[in-house]
């Protein structure tokens, strides 16, 4: 009997999980200027989050070119998820303002690894298969902040609670998102090649995410 695809994907991602976890631990280590790292993390996440809704909407639209009779279900999932993610980039600007960074300060360029994270998904949606975006979502939402992180960061940085809304809320929201995503992975009759598209997308995303967190941990400017 074959195992559910969500479980098979989880097993594959377990190989990449230690690298992401090590990078996350480095990012949030108490040594050094944690406040500067947190502010830079917020900028990086804002740059990444601005791509979330457009990616989901593009994937939903591209489902219309698929021959699969289940494509409308996938399109509806992407469209619904886009609605849930709408406005989260504004949350990050509010967090930055509360963390003492003027909201009007706009960085001319996002970290290159953020561009690579989102850009890879645009390629896969346009030139491979929109279902590949499921792998990206599995990694980002599967590595959401822990429920305790906002409190720990607030205590260590001295920043006000308002600076941690996105971290705090995503700790709650993404647990539900992961459960919904797993249901999609298991209900959609993806072919073996389509499952490979999802898995490769997920592993690629995990690798870039680990590199991004290591970069932010080592370089508060996050631009190298």
Foldseek 3Di string as FASTA:
>chain_A
DDDFLLVVLVVLCVVLVVLLVVLQCLLCPLPDQNLLLLLLVLLQVLLLLVLQLVLLQLLLVLLVVDPDPCSPVSSVVSNVVSVVSPPVSVLSLQLNVLSVHHSPDDDPDHAVLSCVLSVVSVCCSVPNHSLLVLLLLLQVLVPQAAQCVLVVSCVSNVGDSSNCVSSNVSNVVSVVVNVVSSVVSRPDPDDPVSSVSNSVSNSVNSVSSSVQSNQSSVPSNSHD
